[in-house]
Protein backbone atom coordinates (compact mmCIF):
# COMPACT_ATOMS: atom_id res chain seq x y z
CA MET A 1 -5.82 21.23 -1.95
CA VAL A 2 -2.14 20.97 -2.24
CA ALA A 3 -2.46 17.42 -3.94
CA GLU A 4 -4.36 18.70 -6.54
CA TYR A 5 -2.72 21.76 -7.32
CA ALA A 6 0.42 19.56 -7.67
CA VAL A 7 -1.17 17.60 -10.24
CA GLY A 8 -1.14 20.63 -13.00
CA ASP A 9 2.02 22.86 -11.12
CA ASN A 10 4.59 22.37 -8.65
CA PRO A 11 3.53 22.74 -5.30
CA GLU A 12 6.50 25.20 -4.19
CA ASN A 13 4.82 27.47 -6.44
CA LEU A 14 2.19 28.12 -4.06
CA PRO A 15 2.25 31.16 -1.42
CA ALA A 16 3.07 29.06 1.50
CA ASP A 17 3.39 31.70 3.78
CA GLN A 18 -0.27 33.11 2.95
CA LEU A 19 -1.53 29.60 3.47
CA GLN A 20 -3.05 28.14 6.41
CA ILE A 21 -3.26 24.33 6.64
CA GLU A 22 -6.11 23.05 8.76
CA THR A 23 -5.93 19.65 10.26
CA PHE A 24 -8.83 17.27 9.83
CA ASP A 25 -9.38 15.92 13.54
CA PHE A 26 -12.06 13.90 15.00
CA ARG A 27 -14.93 16.19 14.84
CA ASP A 28 -14.19 16.77 11.20
CA ALA A 29 -14.26 13.19 10.66
CA ALA A 30 -18.17 12.69 12.76
CA THR A 31 -19.14 15.60 10.38
CA ALA A 32 -17.70 14.27 7.15
CA GLY A 33 -19.61 10.86 8.24
CA LEU A 34 -22.67 13.19 8.84
CA PHE A 35 -22.63 14.59 5.38
CA HIS A 36 -21.55 11.13 3.85
CA ALA A 37 -24.58 9.54 5.05
CA GLU A 38 -27.01 12.36 3.79
CA LEU A 39 -25.45 12.38 0.46
CA ILE A 40 -25.31 9.01 -0.49
CA GLY A 41 -26.52 6.96 2.44
CA ASN A 42 -25.12 3.93 4.18
CA LYS A 43 -24.33 2.27 1.06
CA ASN A 44 -20.65 1.28 -0.66
CA ASN A 45 -20.09 4.00 -2.87
CA ILE A 46 -17.23 1.86 -5.33
CA GLU A 47 -18.61 -0.65 -6.47
CA GLY A 48 -16.76 -4.07 -5.01
CA TYR A 49 -15.27 -2.43 -2.38
CA ASN A 50 -16.52 -2.94 0.71
CA ARG A 51 -16.47 0.66 3.09
CA ARG A 52 -17.70 3.84 2.51
CA ILE A 53 -14.84 6.04 0.60
CA ILE A 54 -15.64 9.84 1.57
CA ALA A 55 -15.00 12.14 -1.04
CA ASN A 56 -12.06 14.77 -0.18
CA ASP A 57 -15.07 17.50 -1.04
CA VAL A 58 -16.87 16.20 1.76
CA LYS A 59 -14.24 16.30 4.31
CA ILE A 60 -13.48 19.71 3.56
CA LEU A 61 -16.72 20.84 3.94
CA ALA A 62 -16.79 19.32 7.31
CA GLN A 63 -14.16 21.72 8.31
CA VAL A 64 -15.90 24.58 6.64
CA LYS A 65 -18.89 23.67 8.60
CA ASN A 66 -16.92 23.07 12.12
CA ARG A 67 -14.54 26.30 11.86
CA GLN A 68 -17.39 28.49 10.83
CA ILE A 69 -16.18 29.59 7.75
CA GLU A 70 -18.48 31.68 5.73
CA ALA A 71 -17.75 31.19 2.18
CA ILE A 72 -16.18 29.18 -0.57
CA ILE A 73 -14.66 30.45 -3.43
CA SER A 74 -14.26 28.15 -6.36
CA LYS A 75 -14.50 27.14 -10.05
CA ASP A 76 -15.90 23.67 -8.93
CA VAL A 77 -19.26 24.17 -10.07
CA GLN A 78 -19.42 20.18 -9.76
CA SER A 79 -18.85 20.36 -6.22
CA HIS A 80 -21.22 22.73 -5.57
CA THR A 81 -24.02 20.78 -7.50
CA ARG A 82 -22.83 17.23 -6.25
CA TYR A 83 -22.09 18.59 -2.63
CA ILE A 84 -22.54 21.62 -1.47
CA GLN A 85 -26.41 22.51 -2.69
CA PRO A 86 -27.67 18.99 -1.14
CA LEU A 87 -25.96 19.87 2.18
CA LEU A 88 -27.69 23.45 2.13
CA ASN A 89 -31.20 21.92 0.91
CA SER A 90 -30.83 19.52 4.26
CA ASN A 91 -29.98 21.92 6.47
CA LEU A 92 -26.48 20.39 7.52
CA LEU A 93 -24.73 23.14 5.95
CA SER A 94 -24.56 26.79 6.03
CA VAL A 95 -22.23 28.36 3.49
CA LYS A 96 -22.23 31.15 0.54
CA PHE A 97 -20.66 29.62 -2.44
CA ILE A 98 -18.88 32.22 -4.67
CA ASP A 99 -18.36 30.99 -8.18
CA LEU A 100 -15.12 32.06 -9.83
CA ASN A 101 -16.92 31.21 -13.38
CA LYS A 102 -18.59 34.24 -12.88
CA LYS A 103 -17.56 38.18 -12.32
CA LEU A 104 -17.17 38.36 -8.89
CA ASN A 105 -19.73 41.66 -8.88
CA GLU A 106 -22.34 39.18 -10.12
CA ALA A 107 -22.07 37.30 -6.57
CA LEU A 108 -20.82 40.36 -4.37
CA GLY A 109 -22.30 43.48 -5.61
CA GLU A 110 -20.22 46.26 -6.54
CA LEU A 111 -17.27 46.24 -4.24
CA PHE A 112 -16.05 49.92 -4.37
CA PRO A 113 -19.16 52.12 -5.70
CA LEU A 114 -17.75 55.11 -7.17
């Protein structure tokens, strides 16, 4: 995620003291492989390249599952459509997707009723 941020801005601008960088471990790798197999099957996903490349989004979702994270907050609707929803439909993942393209109260309801 820091690498993606760095494409558009200096990562030094991130609040590093408020971030927790999670390691991608063996269990995450096994889960990501299971997710990839569900999403793409046992085929190469890059033409002419004789190996399976697992998308970073799939790796992050494996970490979400293994750490029992309850929700993802993002503007990336394409990732939701391409990865999250199919994994939810196959019961391999259980997570709430909060779309930041919509008003927060649409996803969560009224947070502080008067």
